[in-house]
Protein backbone atom coordinates (compact mmCIF):
# COMPACT_ATOMS: atom_id res chain seq x y z
CA UNK A 1 -61.57 -128.11 39.45
CA UNK A 2 -64.33 -127.85 42.08
CA UNK A 3 -65.10 -124.69 44.07
CA UNK A 4 -63.24 -125.84 47.18
CA UNK A 5 -60.04 -126.69 45.32
CA UNK A 6 -60.26 -123.47 43.31
CA UNK A 7 -60.60 -121.38 46.49
CA UNK A 8 -57.66 -123.20 48.10
CA UNK A 9 -55.52 -122.65 45.00
CA UNK A 10 -56.45 -118.96 44.86
CA UNK A 11 -55.41 -118.49 48.49
CA UNK A 12 -52.15 -120.34 47.83
CA UNK A 13 -51.39 -118.13 44.81
CA UNK A 14 -52.09 -114.90 46.71
CA UNK A 15 -50.01 -115.97 49.72
CA UNK A 16 -47.10 -116.94 47.45
CA UNK A 17 -47.30 -113.66 45.52
CA UNK A 18 -47.35 -111.62 48.74
CA UNK A 19 -44.42 -113.60 50.13
CA UNK A 20 -42.28 -112.95 47.04
CA UNK A 21 -43.33 -109.29 46.97
CA UNK A 22 -42.42 -108.88 50.63
CA UNK A 23 -38.98 -110.46 50.22
CA UNK A 24 -37.94 -109.11 46.80
CA UNK A 25 -40.05 -105.97 46.37
CA UNK A 26 -41.52 -107.27 43.10
CA UNK A 27 -42.94 -110.54 41.80
CA UNK A 28 -42.72 -112.34 38.46
CA UNK A 29 -44.50 -115.49 37.21
CA UNK A 30 -41.30 -117.53 37.52
CA UNK A 31 -40.78 -116.44 41.14
CA UNK A 32 -44.45 -117.13 41.88
CA UNK A 33 -44.28 -120.69 40.54
CA UNK A 34 -41.02 -121.30 42.39
CA UNK A 35 -42.53 -120.06 45.67
CA UNK A 36 -45.55 -122.34 45.11
CA UNK A 37 -43.15 -125.26 44.49
CA UNK A 38 -44.61 -125.78 41.01
CA UNK A 39 -41.23 -125.02 39.46
CA UNK A 40 -38.01 -126.44 40.89
CA UNK A 41 -35.14 -123.95 41.34
CA UNK A 42 -32.81 -126.57 39.84
CA UNK A 43 -34.82 -126.55 36.61
CA UNK A 44 -34.70 -122.75 36.50
CA UNK A 45 -30.91 -122.82 36.92
CA UNK A 46 -30.50 -125.42 34.17
CA UNK A 47 -32.72 -123.32 31.89
CA UNK A 48 -30.68 -120.19 32.65
CA UNK A 49 -27.50 -122.07 31.81
CA UNK A 50 -28.92 -123.14 28.45
CA UNK A 51 -29.20 -126.84 29.32
CA UNK A 52 -33.01 -126.73 28.94
CA UNK A 53 -34.22 -125.17 25.69
CA UNK A 54 -37.39 -123.84 27.30
CA UNK A 55 -38.93 -123.65 30.76
CA UNK A 56 -42.59 -124.54 30.25
CA UNK A 57 -42.25 -128.37 30.19
CA UNK A 58 -40.69 -128.29 33.66
CA UNK A 59 -43.65 -126.61 35.39
CA UNK A 60 -45.04 -129.29 37.68
CA UNK A 61 -48.80 -129.02 37.29
CA UNK A 62 -51.51 -129.62 34.68
CA UNK A 63 -52.79 -127.05 32.16
CA UNK A 64 -56.08 -126.43 34.02
CA UNK A 65 -54.37 -125.70 37.34
CA UNK A 66 -51.79 -123.56 35.61
CA UNK A 67 -54.46 -121.47 33.85
CA UNK A 68 -56.24 -120.90 37.18
CA UNK A 69 -52.94 -119.95 38.82
CA UNK A 70 -52.18 -117.35 36.18
CA UNK A 71 -55.76 -116.04 36.22
CA UNK A 72 -55.65 -115.55 40.00
CA UNK A 73 -52.21 -113.93 39.79
CA UNK A 74 -53.37 -111.48 37.11
CA UNK A 75 -56.51 -110.58 39.10
CA UNK A 76 -54.45 -110.06 42.26
CA UNK A 77 -52.02 -107.78 40.41
CA UNK A 78 -54.88 -105.79 38.85
CA UNK A 79 -56.82 -105.43 42.12
CA UNK A 80 -53.72 -104.11 43.89
CA UNK A 81 -52.83 -101.71 41.08
CA UNK A 82 -49.46 -103.36 40.56
CA UNK A 83 -47.07 -101.69 38.12
CA UNK A 84 -46.03 -103.95 35.22
CA UNK A 85 -42.35 -103.87 34.28
CA UNK A 86 -40.98 -105.76 31.30
CA UNK A 87 -37.86 -107.80 32.00
CA UNK A 88 -35.18 -109.25 29.74
CA UNK A 89 -34.58 -112.94 30.34
CA UNK A 90 -30.94 -113.75 29.64
CA UNK A 91 -29.04 -116.87 30.55
CA UNK A 92 -26.28 -117.13 33.13
CA UNK A 93 -23.97 -118.78 30.59
CA UNK A 94 -21.41 -116.63 28.77
CA UNK A 95 -23.37 -116.61 25.53
CA UNK A 96 -26.12 -114.13 26.40
CA UNK A 97 -26.78 -112.97 22.84
CA UNK A 98 -30.26 -114.51 22.77
CA UNK A 99 -33.22 -114.18 25.12
CA UNK A 100 -34.25 -117.32 26.94
CA UNK A 101 -37.37 -119.05 25.66
CA UNK A 102 -40.29 -119.95 27.93
CA UNK A 103 -42.54 -122.07 25.70
CA UNK A 104 -41.70 -124.74 23.16
CA UNK A 105 -43.55 -122.93 20.35
CA UNK A 106 -42.49 -119.42 21.48
CA UNK A 107 -46.12 -118.41 22.07
CA UNK A 108 -45.97 -114.58 22.05
CA UNK A 109 -48.66 -114.03 24.70
CA UNK A 110 -47.10 -116.48 27.15
CA UNK A 111 -43.58 -115.22 26.44
CA UNK A 112 -44.72 -111.64 27.21
CA UNK A 113 -46.53 -112.77 30.37
CA UNK A 114 -43.42 -114.47 31.76
CA UNK A 115 -41.31 -111.42 30.93
CA UNK A 116 -43.55 -109.16 33.01
CA UNK A 117 -42.63 -108.36 36.60
CA UNK A 118 -45.02 -106.59 38.98
CA UNK A 119 -44.02 -103.86 41.43
CA UNK A 120 -46.15 -102.26 44.21
CA UNK A 121 -48.58 -99.51 43.18
CA UNK A 122 -46.86 -97.01 45.50
CA UNK A 123 -43.35 -97.54 44.12
CA UNK A 124 -41.49 -94.25 43.67
CA UNK A 125 -40.24 -93.19 40.22
CA UNK A 126 -36.66 -93.54 41.43
CA UNK A 127 -37.18 -97.08 42.69
CA UNK A 128 -39.11 -97.99 39.54
CA UNK A 129 -36.21 -96.84 37.37
CA UNK A 130 -33.75 -98.81 39.51
CA UNK A 131 -35.98 -101.90 39.22
CA UNK A 132 -36.12 -101.59 35.42
CA UNK A 133 -32.34 -101.37 35.29
CA UNK A 134 -31.97 -104.39 37.58
CA UNK A 135 -34.42 -106.54 35.61
CA UNK A 136 -32.78 -105.76 32.29
CA UNK A 137 -29.10 -105.99 33.19
CA UNK A 138 -27.14 -109.12 32.16
CA UNK A 139 -27.11 -111.79 34.89
CA UNK A 140 -24.01 -112.45 36.96
CA UNK A 141 -21.51 -115.11 36.08
CA UNK A 142 -21.66 -117.79 38.78
CA UNK A 143 -18.70 -119.77 40.09
CA UNK A 144 -19.25 -122.74 42.40
CA UNK A 145 -17.21 -123.62 45.47
CA UNK A 146 -17.15 -127.41 45.31
CA UNK A 147 -18.54 -129.57 48.11
CA UNK A 148 -17.48 -132.91 46.62
CA UNK A 149 -14.06 -134.35 47.39
CA UNK A 150 -12.95 -133.84 43.81
CA UNK A 151 -14.27 -132.92 40.36
CA UNK A 152 -12.44 -133.32 37.06
CA UNK A 153 -12.16 -130.38 34.67
CA UNK A 154 -13.65 -131.56 31.38
CA UNK A 155 -11.17 -129.61 29.26
CA UNK A 156 -7.75 -130.04 30.86
CA UNK A 157 -8.58 -133.07 33.09
CA UNK A 158 -7.09 -131.38 36.18
CA UNK A 159 -8.57 -132.29 39.53
CA UNK A 160 -10.71 -129.64 41.26
CA UNK A 161 -10.56 -130.40 44.99
CA UNK A 162 -13.19 -129.76 47.65
CA UNK A 163 -13.42 -126.03 48.40
CA UNK A 164 -11.88 -125.03 45.06
CA UNK A 165 -13.74 -123.13 42.37
CA UNK A 166 -15.36 -124.45 39.21
CA UNK A 167 -17.35 -122.85 36.43
CA UNK A 168 -20.28 -124.59 34.73
CA UNK A 169 -20.68 -124.02 31.00
CA UNK A 170 -23.85 -125.82 29.94
CA UNK A 171 -23.15 -129.38 31.18
CA UNK A 172 -19.35 -129.04 31.43
CA UNK A 173 -17.39 -128.48 34.65
CA UNK A 174 -14.35 -126.26 34.08
CA UNK A 175 -11.49 -125.14 36.29
CA UNK A 176 -10.97 -121.39 36.49
CA UNK A 177 -7.98 -121.55 34.15
CA UNK A 178 -10.00 -123.17 31.37
CA UNK A 179 -12.86 -120.77 32.08
CA UNK A 180 -10.44 -117.80 31.71
CA UNK A 181 -11.27 -116.64 35.23
CA UNK A 182 -8.05 -117.62 36.99
CA UNK A 183 -6.75 -114.03 36.98
CA UNK A 184 -9.50 -113.01 39.42
CA UNK A 185 -9.11 -112.97 43.21
CA UNK A 186 -11.61 -114.24 45.77
CA UNK A 187 -13.23 -111.67 48.09
CA UNK A 188 -15.29 -113.36 50.86
CA UNK A 189 -18.79 -112.13 51.79
CA UNK A 190 -17.88 -110.08 54.84
CA UNK A 191 -18.44 -106.46 53.86
CA UNK A 192 -21.32 -105.62 51.49
CA UNK A 193 -19.88 -102.21 50.62
CA UNK A 194 -16.50 -103.75 49.83
CA UNK A 195 -18.05 -106.37 47.54
CA UNK A 196 -20.29 -103.85 45.82
CA UNK A 197 -17.41 -101.47 45.11
CA UNK A 198 -15.05 -104.22 43.97
CA UNK A 199 -17.62 -105.44 41.45
CA UNK A 200 -18.18 -101.87 40.27
CA UNK A 201 -14.47 -101.37 39.53
CA UNK A 202 -13.80 -104.84 38.12
CA UNK A 203 -14.21 -105.22 34.33
CA UNK A 204 -14.96 -108.92 34.90
CA UNK A 205 -16.44 -110.44 38.04
CA UNK A 206 -18.36 -113.51 39.20
CA UNK A 207 -20.51 -114.45 42.17
CA UNK A 208 -19.23 -117.42 44.22
CA UNK A 209 -21.83 -119.78 45.70
CA UNK A 210 -21.66 -123.07 47.58
CA UNK A 211 -24.34 -125.69 48.12
CA UNK A 212 -25.47 -126.05 51.75
CA UNK A 213 -26.41 -129.70 52.10
CA UNK A 214 -28.24 -129.20 55.38
CA UNK A 215 -30.43 -126.38 54.06
CA UNK A 216 -30.52 -127.84 50.53
CA UNK A 217 -29.80 -124.55 48.80
CA UNK A 218 -26.97 -122.54 47.28
CA UNK A 219 -25.57 -119.79 49.49
CA UNK A 220 -23.37 -116.87 48.49
CA UNK A 221 -19.76 -117.09 49.68
CA UNK A 222 -18.23 -114.04 48.01
CA UNK A 223 -17.14 -112.73 44.62
CA UNK A 224 -14.26 -113.01 42.20
CA UNK A 225 -12.83 -109.69 41.01
CA UNK A 226 -9.53 -108.26 39.78
CA UNK A 227 -6.89 -107.45 42.39
CA UNK A 228 -6.84 -103.81 41.26
CA UNK A 229 -10.59 -103.52 41.80
CA UNK A 230 -10.33 -105.04 45.29
CA UNK A 231 -7.54 -102.62 46.22
CA UNK A 232 -9.60 -99.67 44.99
CA UNK A 233 -12.59 -100.88 46.98
CA UNK A 234 -10.44 -101.16 50.12
CA UNK A 235 -9.28 -97.56 49.77
CA UNK A 236 -12.83 -96.27 49.31
CA UNK A 237 -14.16 -98.25 52.28
CA UNK A 238 -11.39 -96.96 54.55
CA UNK A 239 -12.07 -93.36 53.54
CA UNK A 240 -15.74 -93.37 54.54
CA UNK A 241 -15.87 -96.08 57.22
CA UNK A 242 -17.09 -93.71 59.95
CA UNK A 243 -19.80 -92.27 57.73
CA UNK A 244 -21.10 -95.73 56.81
CA UNK A 245 -21.05 -96.81 60.47
CA UNK A 246 -23.19 -93.79 61.38
CA UNK A 247 -25.60 -94.60 58.56
CA UNK A 248 -25.91 -98.20 59.77
CA UNK A 249 -26.66 -97.00 63.29
CA UNK A 250 -29.34 -94.59 62.05
CA UNK A 251 -30.84 -97.40 59.99
CA UNK A 252 -30.87 -99.73 62.98
CA UNK A 253 -32.67 -97.18 65.15
CA UNK A 254 -35.20 -96.49 62.39
CA UNK A 255 -35.92 -100.21 61.91
CA UNK A 256 -36.43 -100.66 65.66
CA UNK A 257 -38.93 -97.80 65.69
CA UNK A 258 -40.79 -99.23 62.72
CA UNK A 259 -40.90 -102.70 64.30
CA UNK A 260 -42.13 -101.31 67.62
CA UNK A 261 -44.87 -99.39 65.85
CA UNK A 262 -45.94 -102.48 63.86
CA UNK A 263 -46.09 -104.63 67.00
CA UNK A 264 -48.25 -102.01 68.73
CA UNK A 265 -50.64 -101.74 65.79
CA UNK A 266 -50.82 -105.50 65.40
CA UNK A 267 -51.47 -106.00 69.12
CA UNK A 268 -54.39 -103.57 68.89
CA UNK A 269 -55.69 -105.35 65.77
CA UNK A 270 -55.55 -108.72 67.54
CA UNK A 271 -57.42 -107.34 70.55
CA UNK A 272 -60.05 -105.80 68.27
CA UNK A 273 -60.65 -109.02 66.35
CA UNK A 274 -60.27 -111.26 69.42
CA UNK A 275 -61.35 -109.19 72.45
CA UNK A 276 -61.08 -112.22 74.71
CA UNK A 277 -57.38 -112.70 73.97
CA UNK A 278 -55.34 -111.77 77.07
CA UNK A 279 -53.34 -108.54 76.45
CA UNK A 280 -50.07 -110.27 77.31
CA UNK A 281 -50.68 -113.00 74.74
CA UNK A 282 -51.82 -110.49 72.11
CA UNK A 283 -48.50 -108.68 72.41
CA UNK A 284 -46.63 -111.98 72.41
CA UNK A 285 -48.36 -113.02 69.16
CA UNK A 286 -47.65 -109.66 67.54
CA UNK A 287 -43.99 -109.65 68.58
CA UNK A 288 -43.49 -113.19 67.32
CA UNK A 289 -45.22 -112.91 63.95
CA UNK A 290 -43.90 -109.42 63.13
CA UNK A 291 -40.25 -110.23 63.82
CA UNK A 292 -38.11 -108.87 60.99
CA UNK A 293 -36.60 -111.54 58.76
CA UNK A 294 -38.74 -114.32 60.24
CA UNK A 295 -40.79 -114.92 57.10
CA UNK A 296 -43.92 -115.22 59.25
CA UNK A 297 -47.33 -113.94 58.24
CA UNK A 298 -46.87 -110.73 60.20
CA UNK A 299 -44.04 -109.72 57.85
CA UNK A 300 -46.09 -110.34 54.71
CA UNK A 301 -47.76 -107.48 52.86
CA UNK A 302 -51.14 -108.56 54.26
CA UNK A 303 -49.72 -108.78 57.79
CA UNK A 304 -48.18 -105.31 57.72
CA UNK A 305 -51.48 -103.94 56.44
CA UNK A 306 -53.28 -105.70 59.33
CA UNK A 307 -55.64 -107.69 57.12
CA UNK A 308 -58.07 -109.77 59.17
CA UNK A 309 -57.08 -113.07 57.51
CA UNK A 310 -53.40 -112.48 58.28
CA UNK A 311 -54.19 -111.59 61.90
CA UNK A 312 -56.30 -114.71 62.24
CA UNK A 313 -53.54 -116.92 60.82
CA UNK A 314 -51.07 -115.52 63.36
CA UNK A 315 -53.51 -116.10 66.24
CA UNK A 316 -54.30 -119.64 65.09
CA UNK A 317 -50.59 -120.47 64.88
CA UNK A 318 -50.07 -119.20 68.43
CA UNK A 319 -53.01 -121.20 69.77
CA UNK A 320 -51.82 -124.33 67.98
CA UNK A 321 -48.43 -124.23 69.68
CA UNK A 322 -49.35 -122.76 73.08
CA UNK A 323 -52.84 -124.11 73.83
CA UNK A 324 -52.93 -127.58 72.26
CA UNK A 325 -50.93 -130.84 72.20
CA UNK A 326 -49.72 -130.08 68.68
CA UNK A 327 -45.98 -129.85 69.48
CA UNK A 328 -46.21 -132.96 71.65
CA UNK A 329 -47.85 -134.87 68.79
CA UNK A 330 -45.11 -133.84 66.38
CA UNK A 331 -42.44 -134.96 68.87
CA UNK A 332 -44.17 -138.34 69.15
CA UNK A 333 -43.79 -138.86 65.41
CA UNK A 334 -47.24 -137.83 64.16
CA UNK A 335 -47.48 -136.42 60.64
CA UNK A 336 -48.09 -132.69 60.49
CA UNK A 337 -51.47 -133.07 58.76
CA UNK A 338 -52.61 -135.68 61.29
CA UNK A 339 -51.48 -133.52 64.21
CA UNK A 340 -53.35 -130.50 62.82
CA UNK A 341 -56.55 -132.50 62.45
CA UNK A 342 -56.20 -133.83 65.99
CA UNK A 343 -56.03 -130.34 67.54
CA UNK A 344 -58.50 -128.57 65.22
CA UNK A 345 -61.36 -128.72 67.74
CA UNK A 346 -59.14 -127.36 70.53
CA UNK A 347 -58.14 -124.42 68.33
CA UNK A 348 -61.78 -123.69 67.48
CA UNK A 349 -62.69 -123.74 71.16
CA UNK A 350 -60.02 -121.17 72.08
CA UNK A 351 -60.90 -119.01 69.06
CA UNK A 352 -64.55 -118.92 70.09
CA UNK A 353 -63.59 -117.95 73.62
CA UNK A 354 -61.31 -115.17 72.42
CA UNK A 355 -63.95 -113.92 70.02
CA UNK A 356 -66.36 -113.67 72.94
CA UNK A 357 -68.85 -116.15 71.51
CA UNK A 358 -71.60 -117.16 73.93
CA UNK A 359 -71.22 -120.87 73.19
CA UNK A 360 -67.49 -120.84 73.87
CA UNK A 361 -67.98 -123.08 76.83
């Protein structure tokens, strides 16, 4: 692998690691490879269900690239003082008596590496303990809300209609009766506190998901829990509804203050790095890239820490859309890579002007 490809791969690894860390609060090798699209989520699910004996053969890159990926990831974790937490890898099938295997030959070093999750250096002892408990608790049972017109239960041959529930056991589709889950009631995803408390009180529960064909991903629809647990959860939620509403309001105000502060700091950072950028546009860039839940670079770990590379990426993205023909080219049917190449010189010209370079003209 030449120097240019190695540098590009290193940047891709770091960006993927920071993205996972920002969203989940910790990052593992499996999540890293999934974020980099080197490991398909469908293969991970099949492995968790016990359909695949091991995960390693399904990683979609060669040994040399994989070694460089892991080397960069380890260096990034070490440089940032990340805290290593060992995780138990258990399947989502009912038989969870054995740990899942990563490699075909059960290589101890690689197995240990994949079972290590990394948390931020400044994680509090309380959060670290909660993370350890989360990583080592048995995974949830998953029930699927069908999107096909009908599916046949492979034990009793009953028809499972669209919108009904089915349970997957290895490669078999089962109705809830054959899966011994038909005594549970469905609680839709409307109230997080209600769902959390119902699962706490239910001796057996399952997460209900449905495949979104437009977004091409599974989305949570609710849970299955016992009727007694749901009733208990309802009583508890009614008793402290006002208190929880006040807590939500305080949280909303706090988040708005934090976001306002980040936008102000990011606007100043943009103006410092690009003094020629108009103040109005600097604030516009900061507000756009730092929007909570957007997944943009301003919400990444590097963005919140105002790293120069993250600031530059946000500015370049703004220039691409607001000061070039990039959007027009995409609407005309141009490929994204071709459109980016076509506007590269226009972006460089604006960047030079905003940086105050003498040859900007």
